[in-house]
Each structure stands twice: as C-alpha cells, then as structure tokens.
Amino acid sequence: MALKDVLERMYGVKTDMVVNPLAAQIETTPTPLLLNNPNRLAWTLINLGANHVMLAFTADVSLTKGIYVAQTGGIMGLLFSEDFELVTYPVWGIADTAAAGIYLVEVVEL
C-alpha cells in the first residue's frame, strides 16, 4: 500500500506536495514564501544560498527578528502533529547580503 493510501486511511485526508509555491528565492527585503493555508499539513525549507536567511510568521521579518536558517543547506520545517496550527500560518523570509535560493516544499490536503 502506498504511503498516500496509509495517510488517507489513518487521517482521512488525501495529500499532495507543492514545490516553491510563491518564490524560488528569498530577497534582501521581506519576501512572502507561504500564504496562510488551513489545509497545509507540513512544510520544509532548505536554504541553498551562500548567506543566511531569517524566517518569520509576519511581514516584519528582519535580520534581527525571525528564525535563523544557516547558509548552504540550513533547514527549517514544521509538521502539524508537532507544531499544531503554526504549520498553517503564512511565512516570510529575508536574506542577509544577497538573494538566497531556496527549495521549499509543502504538503497540503487536497
């Protein structure tokens, strides 16, 4: 049985993965990365850039306000069973000295 089928059986939801739903990089100004989505179950962001980025759940993210994600492979993610409703909130990012490429995936209920 495929994992999608197991999840549907266990939780009663069908899921799908979305890659970089709003942006493929974080700019040096606040950049929206995820919109508010009550059907989001999980997300993971990998910083592919050569400089660090900061993430926050509000548009006033800054280099001194947010969650630090290290350069060249730093990761942050949330899962509904551990982080509860926080996984559904919007996410904004800002890059340190130059735009930083990201790989962002979210798992959503269909």
Protein backbone atom coordinates (compact mmCIF):
# COMPACT_ATOMS: atom_id res chain seq x y z
CA MET A 1 0.00 0.00 0.00
CA ALA A 2 1.35 3.43 -0.94
CA LEU A 3 2.09 5.90 1.84
CA LYS A 4 -0.55 8.28 0.43
CA ASP A 5 -3.10 5.50 0.96
CA VAL A 6 -1.87 4.88 4.51
CA LEU A 7 -2.21 8.61 5.31
CA GLU A 8 -5.67 8.69 3.83
CA ARG A 9 -6.68 5.65 5.88
CA MET A 10 -5.11 6.95 9.13
CA TYR A 11 -6.11 10.60 8.89
CA GLY A 12 -8.91 10.62 6.34
CA VAL A 13 -7.17 13.11 4.03
CA LYS A 14 -5.68 12.99 0.57
CA THR A 15 -2.43 14.91 0.22
CA ASP A 16 -0.24 16.49 -2.41
CA MET A 17 3.19 18.15 -2.42
CA VAL A 18 3.76 21.68 -3.76
CA VAL A 19 7.27 22.98 -4.54
CA ASN A 20 8.18 26.67 -4.09
CA PRO A 21 4.54 27.86 -4.10
CA LEU A 22 5.35 31.61 -4.11
CA ALA A 23 9.09 32.10 -4.60
CA ALA A 24 12.26 30.21 -5.50
CA GLN A 25 14.49 32.64 -3.66
CA ILE A 26 14.44 34.94 -0.66
CA GLU A 27 15.26 38.56 -1.38
CA THR A 28 17.05 41.11 0.83
CA THR A 29 13.63 42.64 1.51
CA PRO A 30 10.75 40.74 3.17
CA THR A 31 9.64 38.01 0.78
CA PRO A 32 6.37 36.07 1.10
CA LEU A 33 7.08 32.32 0.97
CA LEU A 34 3.85 30.68 2.15
CA LEU A 35 0.34 32.09 2.39
CA ASN A 36 -2.00 31.25 5.24
CA ASN A 37 -3.38 27.79 4.41
CA PRO A 38 -5.58 25.85 6.84
CA ASN A 39 -5.09 22.75 4.65
CA ARG A 40 -1.29 22.67 5.00
CA LEU A 41 -0.01 19.66 6.95
CA ALA A 42 3.75 20.22 6.77
CA TRP A 43 6.46 22.28 5.13
CA THR A 44 10.24 22.17 4.83
CA LEU A 45 12.56 24.92 3.61
CA ILE A 46 16.20 24.37 2.62
CA ASN A 47 18.43 27.41 2.21
CA LEU A 48 20.50 26.87 -0.94
CA GLY A 49 22.11 30.31 -0.78
CA ALA A 50 25.60 31.32 0.28
CA ASN A 51 24.26 33.60 3.03
CA HIS A 52 21.91 33.07 5.96
CA VAL A 53 18.21 33.92 5.93
CA MET A 54 15.64 34.72 8.58
CA LEU A 55 12.07 33.39 8.56
CA ALA A 56 9.05 34.73 10.43
CA PHE A 57 5.29 34.36 10.51
CA THR A 58 4.75 38.07 9.86
CA ALA A 59 5.81 40.50 7.14
CA ASP A 60 8.00 42.49 9.54
CA VAL A 61 10.72 39.83 9.40
CA SER A 62 14.21 41.34 9.57
CA LEU A 63 17.81 40.28 10.07
CA THR A 64 17.27 40.79 13.81
CA LYS A 65 13.71 39.41 14.04
CA GLY A 66 12.94 35.89 12.98
CA ILE A 67 14.23 32.34 12.91
CA TYR A 68 17.81 31.92 11.69
CA VAL A 69 18.39 29.44 8.84
CA ALA A 70 22.07 28.86 8.05
CA GLN A 71 23.52 29.19 4.58
CA THR A 72 24.28 26.35 2.16
CA GLY A 73 21.86 23.72 3.40
CA GLY A 74 20.26 25.11 6.56
CA ILE A 75 16.82 23.60 7.08
CA MET A 76 13.61 24.55 8.83
CA GLY A 77 10.29 22.77 8.75
CA LEU A 78 7.02 22.32 10.59
CA LEU A 79 4.70 19.32 10.97
CA PHE A 80 1.09 19.52 12.11
CA SER A 81 1.44 16.75 14.71
CA GLU A 82 4.32 18.58 16.42
CA ASP A 83 3.74 22.25 15.66
CA PHE A 84 -0.07 22.28 15.59
CA GLU A 85 -1.74 25.24 13.85
CA LEU A 86 1.57 27.10 13.39
CA VAL A 87 2.13 24.99 10.25
CA THR A 88 -0.85 26.75 8.61
CA TYR A 89 0.41 30.32 9.16
CA PRO A 90 2.00 32.47 6.44
CA VAL A 91 5.80 32.54 6.28
CA TRP A 92 8.03 35.42 5.22
CA GLY A 93 11.79 35.46 4.72
CA ILE A 94 14.64 37.91 4.32
CA ALA A 95 18.18 37.22 3.09
CA ASP A 96 21.34 38.66 4.60
CA THR A 97 23.51 40.24 1.87
CA ALA A 98 22.17 38.86 -1.42
CA ALA A 99 19.16 36.90 -2.62
CA ALA A 100 19.25 33.28 -1.46
CA GLY A 101 17.90 30.39 -3.50
CA ILE A 102 15.58 28.06 -1.61
CA TYR A 103 13.90 24.71 -2.01
CA LEU A 104 10.58 24.86 -0.21
CA VAL A 105 8.04 22.05 -0.18
CA GLU A 106 4.66 21.94 1.50
CA VAL A 107 2.29 19.02 1.95
CA VAL A 108 -1.33 20.05 1.65
CA GLU A 109 -4.68 18.36 2.00
CA LEU A 110 -6.49 18.16 -1.32
